[in-house]
PDB file of N, CA and C in Angstrom:
ATOM      1  N   UNK A   1       0.850  -1.163   0.000  1.00  0.00           N
ATOM      2  CA  UNK A   1       0.000   0.000   0.000  1.00  0.00           C
ATOM      3  C   UNK A   1       0.901   1.234   0.000  1.00  0.00           C
ATOM      4  N   UNK A   2       0.450   2.285  -0.682  1.00  0.00           N
ATOM      5  CA  UNK A   2       1.185   3.544  -0.677  1.00  0.00           C
ATOM      6  C   UNK A   2       0.384   4.588   0.081  1.00  0.00           C
ATOM      7  N   UNK A   3       1.072   5.277   0.978  1.00  0.00           N
ATOM      8  CA  UNK A   3       0.465   6.335   1.779  1.00  0.00           C
ATOM      9  C   UNK A   3       1.184   7.645   1.458  1.00  0.00           C
ATOM     10  N   UNK A   4       0.404   8.700   1.294  1.00  0.00           N
ATOM     11  CA  UNK A   4       0.975  10.031   1.084  1.00  0.00           C
ATOM     12  C   UNK A   4       0.717  10.866   2.331  1.00  0.00           C
ATOM     13  N   UNK A   5       1.776  11.443   2.878  1.00  0.00           N
ATOM     14  CA  UNK A   5       1.653  12.357   4.011  1.00  0.00           C
ATOM     15  C   UNK A   5       1.782  13.776   3.481  1.00  0.00           C
ATOM     16  N   UNK A   6       0.825  14.608   3.832  1.00  0.00           N
ATOM     17  CA  UNK A   6       0.851  16.005   3.401  1.00  0.00           C
ATOM     18  C   UNK A   6       1.074  16.901   4.608  1.00  0.00           C
ATOM     19  N   UNK A   7       1.984  17.845   4.447  1.00  0.00           N
ATOM     20  CA  UNK A   7       2.363  18.803   5.487  1.00  0.00           C
ATOM     21  C   UNK A   7       2.218  20.182   4.858  1.00  0.00           C
ATOM     22  N   UNK A   8       1.402  21.059   5.448  1.00  0.00           N
ATOM     23  CA  UNK A   8       1.179  22.383   4.872  1.00  0.00           C
ATOM     24  C   UNK A   8       1.291  23.444   5.955  1.00  0.00           C
ATOM     25  N   UNK A   9       2.072  24.471   5.663  1.00  0.00           N
ATOM     26  CA  UNK A   9       2.264  25.563   6.624  1.00  0.00           C
ATOM     27  C   UNK A   9       2.121  26.895   5.897  1.00  0.00           C
ATOM     28  N   UNK A  10       1.774  27.906   6.652  1.00  0.00           N
ATOM     29  CA  UNK A  10       1.681  29.270   6.116  1.00  0.00           C
ATOM     30  C   UNK A  10       2.665  30.143   6.877  1.00  0.00           C
ATOM     31  N   UNK A  11       3.494  30.835   6.124  1.00  0.00           N
ATOM     32  CA  UNK A  11       4.528  31.673   6.727  1.00  0.00           C
ATOM     33  C   UNK A  11       3.944  32.976   7.246  1.00  0.00           C
ATOM     34  N   UNK A  12       4.658  33.573   8.165  1.00  0.00           N
ATOM     35  CA  UNK A  12       4.366  34.944   8.578  1.00  0.00           C
ATOM     36  C   UNK A  12       4.536  35.798   7.323  1.00  0.00           C
ATOM     37  N   UNK A  13       3.716  36.831   7.169  1.00  0.00           N
ATOM     38  CA  UNK A  13       3.751  37.675   5.970  1.00  0.00           C
ATOM     39  C   UNK A  13       5.166  38.065   5.581  1.00  0.00           C
ATOM     40  N   UNK A  14       5.485  37.839   4.299  1.00  0.00           N
ATOM     41  CA  UNK A  14       6.781  38.215   3.772  1.00  0.00           C
ATOM     42  C   UNK A  14       7.902  37.221   4.024  1.00  0.00           C
ATOM     43  N   UNK A  15       7.608  36.099   4.695  1.00  0.00           N
ATOM     44  CA  UNK A  15       8.666  35.131   5.020  1.00  0.00           C
ATOM     45  C   UNK A  15       8.473  33.791   4.310  1.00  0.00           C
ATOM     46  N   UNK A  16       7.746  33.826   3.202  1.00  0.00           N
ATOM     47  CA  UNK A  16       7.464  32.603   2.459  1.00  0.00           C
ATOM     48  C   UNK A  16       8.713  31.912   1.944  1.00  0.00           C
ATOM     49  N   UNK A  17       9.675  32.678   1.426  1.00  0.00           N
ATOM     50  CA  UNK A  17      10.908  32.080   0.920  1.00  0.00           C
ATOM     51  C   UNK A  17      11.707  31.427   2.048  1.00  0.00           C
ATOM     52  N   UNK A  18      11.685  32.042   3.225  1.00  0.00           N
ATOM     53  CA  UNK A  18      12.379  31.455   4.380  1.00  0.00           C
ATOM     54  C   UNK A  18      11.730  30.144   4.794  1.00  0.00           C
ATOM     55  N   UNK A  19      10.388  30.128   4.816  1.00  0.00           N
ATOM     56  CA  UNK A  19       9.681  28.898   5.182  1.00  0.00           C
ATOM     57  C   UNK A  19       9.949  27.812   4.150  1.00  0.00           C
ATOM     58  N   UNK A  20       9.945  28.168   2.875  1.00  0.00           N
ATOM     59  CA  UNK A  20      10.244  27.212   1.827  1.00  0.00           C
ATOM     60  C   UNK A  20      11.642  26.623   2.013  1.00  0.00           C
ATOM     61  N   UNK A  21      12.619  27.471   2.246  1.00  0.00           N
ATOM     62  CA  UNK A  21      14.000  27.001   2.459  1.00  0.00           C
ATOM     63  C   UNK A  21      14.085  26.123   3.700  1.00  0.00           C
ATOM     64  N   UNK A  22      13.398  26.503   4.762  1.00  0.00           N
ATOM     65  CA  UNK A  22      13.403  25.723   6.003  1.00  0.00           C
ATOM     66  C   UNK A  22      12.821  24.331   5.740  1.00  0.00           C
ATOM     67  N   UNK A  23      11.664  24.268   5.068  1.00  0.00           N
ATOM     68  CA  UNK A  23      11.010  22.973   4.815  1.00  0.00           C
ATOM     69  C   UNK A  23      11.894  22.081   3.953  1.00  0.00           C
ATOM     70  N   UNK A  24      12.534  22.652   2.943  1.00  0.00           N
ATOM     71  CA  UNK A  24      13.386  21.861   2.057  1.00  0.00           C
ATOM     72  C   UNK A  24      14.628  21.343   2.776  1.00  0.00           C
ATOM     73  N   UNK A  25      15.069  22.035   3.803  1.00  0.00           N
ATOM     74  CA  UNK A  25      16.271  21.633   4.540  1.00  0.00           C
ATOM     75  C   UNK A  25      15.997  20.557   5.594  1.00  0.00           C
ATOM     76  N   UNK A  26      14.735  20.292   5.899  1.00  0.00           N
ATOM     77  CA  UNK A  26      14.403  19.315   6.937  1.00  0.00           C
ATOM     78  C   UNK A  26      14.678  17.907   6.440  1.00  0.00           C
ATOM     79  N   UNK A  27      15.492  17.179   7.175  1.00  0.00           N
ATOM     80  CA  UNK A  27      15.785  15.784   6.847  1.00  0.00           C
ATOM     81  C   UNK A  27      14.928  14.869   7.706  1.00  0.00           C
ATOM     82  N   UNK A  28      14.493  13.797   7.112  1.00  0.00           N
ATOM     83  CA  UNK A  28      13.718  12.798   7.833  1.00  0.00           C
ATOM     84  C   UNK A  28      14.637  11.644   8.204  1.00  0.00           C
ATOM     85  N   UNK A  29      14.351  10.944   9.308  1.00  0.00           N
ATOM     86  CA  UNK A  29      15.217   9.836   9.721  1.00  0.00           C
ATOM     87  C   UNK A  29      15.165   8.634   8.776  1.00  0.00           C
ATOM     88  N   UNK A  30      14.141   8.585   7.921  1.00  0.00           N
ATOM     89  CA  UNK A  30      14.029   7.552   6.885  1.00  0.00           C
ATOM     90  C   UNK A  30      13.738   8.249   5.564  1.00  0.00           C
ATOM     91  N   UNK A  31      14.141   7.633   4.479  1.00  0.00           N
ATOM     92  CA  UNK A  31      13.927   8.223   3.160  1.00  0.00           C
ATOM     93  C   UNK A  31      12.606   7.709   2.582  1.00  0.00           C
ATOM     94  N   UNK A  32      11.699   8.622   2.201  1.00  0.00           N
ATOM     95  CA  UNK A  32      10.434   8.181   1.610  1.00  0.00           C
ATOM     96  C   UNK A  32      10.648   7.697   0.174  1.00  0.00           C
ATOM     97  N   UNK A  33       9.625   7.068  -0.389  1.00  0.00           N
ATOM     98  CA  UNK A  33       9.675   6.672  -1.792  1.00  0.00           C
ATOM     99  C   UNK A  33       9.837   7.896  -2.679  1.00  0.00           C
ATOM    100  N   UNK A  34       9.192   8.964  -2.281  1.00  0.00           N
ATOM    101  CA  UNK A  34       9.216  10.214  -3.042  1.00  0.00           C
ATOM    102  C   UNK A  34       8.904  11.356  -2.089  1.00  0.00           C
ATOM    103  N   UNK A  35       9.458  12.519  -2.397  1.00  0.00           N
ATOM    104  CA  UNK A  35       9.183  13.720  -1.613  1.00  0.00           C
ATOM    105  C   UNK A  35       9.129  14.896  -2.584  1.00  0.00           C
ATOM    106  N   UNK A  36       8.084  15.696  -2.464  1.00  0.00           N
ATOM    107  CA  UNK A  36       7.937  16.849  -3.345  1.00  0.00           C
ATOM    108  C   UNK A  36       7.472  18.048  -2.533  1.00  0.00           C
ATOM    109  N   UNK A  37       8.012  19.221  -2.889  1.00  0.00           N
ATOM    110  CA  UNK A  37       7.707  20.451  -2.169  1.00  0.00           C
ATOM    111  C   UNK A  37       7.054  21.442  -3.128  1.00  0.00           C
ATOM    112  N   UNK A  38       6.019  22.126  -2.640  1.00  0.00           N
ATOM    113  CA  UNK A  38       5.263  23.087  -3.436  1.00  0.00           C
ATOM    114  C   UNK A  38       5.158  24.413  -2.681  1.00  0.00           C
ATOM    115  N   UNK A  39       4.904  25.482  -3.420  1.00  0.00           N
ATOM    116  CA  UNK A  39       4.564  26.755  -2.783  1.00  0.00           C
ATOM    117  C   UNK A  39       3.293  27.281  -3.423  1.00  0.00           C
ATOM    118  N   UNK A  40       2.611  28.161  -2.690  1.00  0.00           N
ATOM    119  CA  UNK A  40       1.338  28.701  -3.154  1.00  0.00           C
ATOM    120  C   UNK A  40       1.214  30.143  -2.687  1.00  0.00           C
ATOM    121  N   UNK A  41       0.235  30.865  -3.238  1.00  0.00           N
ATOM    122  CA  UNK A  41       0.009  32.235  -2.766  1.00  0.00           C
ATOM    123  C   UNK A  41      -0.198  32.274  -1.254  1.00  0.00           C
ATOM    124  N   UNK A  42      -0.052  33.435  -0.703  1.00  0.00           N
ATOM    125  CA  UNK A  42      -0.196  33.685   0.736  1.00  0.00           C
ATOM    126  C   UNK A  42       0.918  33.009   1.527  1.00  0.00           C
ATOM    127  N   UNK A  43       2.094  32.854   0.886  1.00  0.00           N
ATOM    128  CA  UNK A  43       3.275  32.314   1.566  1.00  0.00           C
ATOM    129  C   UNK A  43       3.032  30.940   2.187  1.00  0.00           C
ATOM    130  N   UNK A  44       2.324  30.084   1.447  1.00  0.00           N
ATOM    131  CA  UNK A  44       2.078  28.718   1.917  1.00  0.00           C
ATOM    132  C   UNK A  44       3.078  27.754   1.304  1.00  0.00           C
ATOM    133  N   UNK A  45       3.444  26.730   2.064  1.00  0.00           N
ATOM    134  CA  UNK A  45       4.372  25.687   1.621  1.00  0.00           C
ATOM    135  C   UNK A  45       3.723  24.334   1.896  1.00  0.00           C
ATOM    136  N   UNK A  46       3.807  23.450   0.913  1.00  0.00           N
ATOM    137  CA  UNK A  46       3.241  22.110   1.016  1.00  0.00           C
ATOM    138  C   UNK A  46       4.343  21.097   0.727  1.00  0.00           C
ATOM    139  N   UNK A  47       4.462  20.092   1.578  1.00  0.00           N
ATOM    140  CA  UNK A  47       5.399  18.995   1.350  1.00  0.00           C
ATOM    141  C   UNK A  47       4.594  17.699   1.374  1.00  0.00           C
ATOM    142  N   UNK A  48       4.777  16.886   0.320  1.00  0.00           N
ATOM    143  CA  UNK A  48       4.122  15.583   0.257  1.00  0.00           C
ATOM    144  C   UNK A  48       5.207  14.518   0.220  1.00  0.00           C
ATOM    145  N   UNK A  49       5.077  13.534   1.084  1.00  0.00           N
ATOM    146  CA  UNK A  49       5.979  12.387   1.073  1.00  0.00           C
ATOM    147  C   UNK A  49       5.146  11.136   0.819  1.00  0.00           C
ATOM    148  N   UNK A  50       5.713  10.213   0.036  1.00  0.00           N
ATOM    149  CA  UNK A  50       5.056   8.961  -0.287  1.00  0.00           C
ATOM    150  C   UNK A  50       5.818   7.832   0.391  1.00  0.00           C
ATOM    151  N   UNK A  51       5.064   6.882   0.972  1.00  0.00           N
ATOM    152  CA  UNK A  51       5.661   5.784   1.723  1.00  0.00           C
ATOM    153  C   UNK A  51       5.014   4.462   1.337  1.00  0.00           C
ATOM    154  N   UNK A  52       5.794   3.416   1.359  1.00  0.00           N
ATOM    155  CA  UNK A  52       5.278   2.063   1.209  1.00  0.00           C
ATOM    156  C   UNK A  52       4.927   1.587   2.610  1.00  0.00           C
ATOM    157  N   UNK A  53       3.702   1.882   3.017  1.00  0.00           N
ATOM    158  CA  UNK A  53       3.277   1.601   4.393  1.00  0.00           C
ATOM    159  C   UNK A  53       1.757   1.633   4.473  1.00  0.00           C
ATOM    160  N   UNK A  54       1.239   1.177   5.592  1.00  0.00           N
ATOM    161  CA  UNK A  54      -0.187   1.245   5.844  1.00  0.00           C
ATOM    162  C   UNK A  54      -0.599   2.635   6.288  1.00  0.00           C
ATOM    163  N   UNK A  55      -1.869   2.926   6.173  1.00  0.00           N
ATOM    164  CA  UNK A  55      -2.395   4.242   6.513  1.00  0.00           C
ATOM    165  C   UNK A  55      -2.116   4.621   7.963  1.00  0.00           C
ATOM    166  N   UNK A  56      -2.088   3.634   8.853  1.00  0.00           N
ATOM    167  CA  UNK A  56      -1.875   3.926  10.271  1.00  0.00           C
ATOM    168  C   UNK A  56      -0.431   3.654  10.723  1.00  0.00           C
ATOM    169  N   UNK A  57       0.478   3.461   9.776  1.00  0.00           N
ATOM    170  CA  UNK A  57       1.883   3.187  10.113  1.00  0.00           C
ATOM    171  C   UNK A  57       2.525   4.389  10.788  1.00  0.00           C
ATOM    172  N   UNK A  58       3.469   4.096  11.652  1.00  0.00           N
ATOM    173  CA  UNK A  58       4.239   5.163  12.293  1.00  0.00           C
ATOM    174  C   UNK A  58       5.321   5.608  11.304  1.00  0.00           C
ATOM    175  N   UNK A  59       5.192   6.842  10.826  1.00  0.00           N
ATOM    176  CA  UNK A  59       6.098   7.366   9.804  1.00  0.00           C
ATOM    177  C   UNK A  59       6.677   8.700  10.251  1.00  0.00           C
ATOM    178  N   UNK A  60       7.890   9.018   9.829  1.00  0.00           N
ATOM    179  CA  UNK A  60       8.485  10.310  10.194  1.00  0.00           C
ATOM    180  C   UNK A  60       7.791  11.444   9.441  1.00  0.00           C
ATOM    181  N   UNK A  61       7.575  12.532  10.149  1.00  0.00           N
ATOM    182  CA  UNK A  61       6.931  13.702   9.554  1.00  0.00           C
ATOM    183  C   UNK A  61       7.773  14.935   9.812  1.00  0.00           C
ATOM    184  N   UNK A  62       7.605  15.931   8.974  1.00  0.00           N
ATOM    185  CA  UNK A  62       8.295  17.198   9.189  1.00  0.00           C
ATOM    186  C   UNK A  62       7.788  17.828  10.483  1.00  0.00           C
ATOM    187  N   UNK A  63       8.665  18.507  11.218  1.00  0.00           N
ATOM    188  CA  UNK A  63       8.256  19.136  12.478  1.00  0.00           C
ATOM    189  C   UNK A  63       7.516  20.453  12.237  1.00  0.00           C
ATOM    190  N   UNK A  64       7.083  21.046  13.304  1.00  0.00           N
ATOM    191  CA  UNK A  64       6.510  22.394  13.257  1.00  0.00           C
ATOM    192  C   UNK A  64       7.653  23.394  13.127  1.00  0.00           C
ATOM    193  N   UNK A  65       7.525  24.384  12.267  1.00  0.00           N
ATOM    194  CA  UNK A  65       8.540  25.440  12.227  1.00  0.00           C
ATOM    195  C   UNK A  65       8.393  26.355  13.439  1.00  0.00           C
ATOM    196  N   UNK A  66       9.412  27.154  13.704  1.00  0.00           N
ATOM    197  CA  UNK A  66       9.344  28.105  14.814  1.00  0.00           C
ATOM    198  C   UNK A  66       8.164  29.047  14.635  1.00  0.00           C
ATOM    199  N   UNK A  67       7.594  29.481  15.746  1.00  0.00           N
ATOM    200  CA  UNK A  67       6.434  30.375  15.715  1.00  0.00           C
ATOM    201  C   UNK A  67       6.745  31.699  15.016  1.00  0.00           C
ATOM    202  N   UNK A  68       8.009  32.111  15.006  1.00  0.00           N
ATOM    203  CA  UNK A  68       8.372  33.363  14.342  1.00  0.00           C
ATOM    204  C   UNK A  68       8.329  33.222  12.827  1.00  0.00           C
ATOM    205  N   UNK A  69       8.306  31.983  12.319  1.00  0.00           N
ATOM    206  CA  UNK A  69       8.313  31.728  10.884  1.00  0.00           C
ATOM    207  C   UNK A  69       6.930  31.371  10.356  1.00  0.00           C
ATOM    208  N   UNK A  70       6.145  30.656  11.137  1.00  0.00           N
ATOM    209  CA  UNK A  70       4.818  30.203  10.697  1.00  0.00           C
ATOM    210  C   UNK A  70       3.724  31.027  11.364  1.00  0.00           C
ATOM    211  N   UNK A  71       2.693  31.344  10.583  1.00  0.00           N
ATOM    212  CA  UNK A  71       1.607  32.174  11.108  1.00  0.00           C
ATOM    213  C   UNK A  71       0.528  31.365  11.818  1.00  0.00           C
ATOM    214  N   UNK A  72       0.595  30.035  11.707  1.00  0.00           N
ATOM    215  CA  UNK A  72      -0.383  29.156  12.365  1.00  0.00           C
ATOM    216  C   UNK A  72       0.223  27.768  12.477  1.00  0.00           C
ATOM    217  N   UNK A  73      -0.481  26.903  13.163  1.00  0.00           N
ATOM    218  CA  UNK A  73      -0.022  25.517  13.293  1.00  0.00           C
ATOM    219  C   UNK A  73      -0.040  24.831  11.920  1.00  0.00           C
ATOM    220  N   UNK A  74       0.838  23.880  11.745  1.00  0.00           N
ATOM    221  CA  UNK A  74       0.918  23.099  10.511  1.00  0.00           C
ATOM    222  C   UNK A  74      -0.339  22.248  10.358  1.00  0.00           C
ATOM    223  N   UNK A  75      -0.808  22.121   9.121  1.00  0.00           N
ATOM    224  CA  UNK A  75      -1.903  21.198   8.816  1.00  0.00           C
ATOM    225  C   UNK A  75      -1.286  19.928   8.262  1.00  0.00           C
ATOM    226  N   UNK A  76      -1.799  18.788   8.707  1.00  0.00           N
ATOM    227  CA  UNK A  76      -1.270  17.493   8.283  1.00  0.00           C
ATOM    228  C   UNK A  76      -2.427  16.578   7.897  1.00  0.00           C
ATOM    229  N   UNK A  77      -2.207  15.824   6.791  1.00  0.00           N
ATOM    230  CA  UNK A  77      -3.188  14.853   6.346  1.00  0.00           C
ATOM    231  C   UNK A  77      -2.476  13.608   5.867  1.00  0.00           C
ATOM    232  N   UNK A  78      -3.176  12.483   5.924  1.00  0.00           N
ATOM    233  CA  UNK A  78      -2.681  11.218   5.364  1.00  0.00           C
ATOM    234  C   UNK A  78      -3.706  10.721   4.358  1.00  0.00           C
ATOM    235  N   UNK A  79      -3.172  10.242   3.228  1.00  0.00           N
ATOM    236  CA  UNK A  79      -4.032   9.695   2.189  1.00  0.00           C
ATOM    237  C   UNK A  79      -3.505   8.336   1.765  1.00  0.00           C
ATOM    238  N   UNK A  80      -4.433   7.432   1.497  1.00  0.00           N
ATOM    239  CA  UNK A  80      -4.102   6.102   0.987  1.00  0.00           C
ATOM    240  C   UNK A  80      -4.317   6.118  -0.519  1.00  0.00           C
ATOM    241  N   UNK A  81      -3.340   5.648  -1.276  1.00  0.00           N
ATOM    242  CA  UNK A  81      -3.467   5.595  -2.729  1.00  0.00           C
ATOM    243  C   UNK A  81      -4.510   4.552  -3.121  1.00  0.00           C
ATOM    244  N   UNK A  82      -5.353   4.922  -4.071  1.00  0.00           N
ATOM    245  CA  UNK A  82      -6.324   3.975  -4.627  1.00  0.00           C
ATOM    246  C   UNK A  82      -5.965   3.645  -6.072  1.00  0.00           C
ATOM    247  N   UNK A  83      -4.774   4.036  -6.496  1.00  0.00           N
ATOM    248  CA  UNK A  83      -4.276   3.715  -7.830  1.00  0.00           C
ATOM    249  C   UNK A  83      -4.639   4.765  -8.856  1.00  0.00           C
ATOM    250  N   UNK A  84      -4.053   4.654 -10.042  1.00  0.00           N
ATOM    251  CA  UNK A  84      -4.347   5.631 -11.099  1.00  0.00           C
ATOM    252  C   UNK A  84      -5.775   5.481 -11.607  1.00  0.00           C
ATOM    253  N   UNK A  85      -6.308   6.559 -12.143  1.00  0.00           N
ATOM    254  CA  UNK A  85      -7.682   6.534 -12.684  1.00  0.00           C
ATOM    255  C   UNK A  85      -7.738   5.894 -14.048  1.00  0.00           C
TER     256      UNK A  85
END
């Protein structure tokens, strides 16, 4: 089974590039099958990691950034792949 972990944070106004650099620099204790980083308007950063694991597996996740960098708590979701359409 493939599980995708999504991590999304919003930077303090004007600090989107810093948050992006911070997220990209975070190393996980295990290497996922795939990892991709995105940015969006309003200084948001999204990181998706793919794992060969069950939906409820204990997997490493990116931490919370410092409060001076993020404007709110990180949003996290897990999705189970149902295959290509």
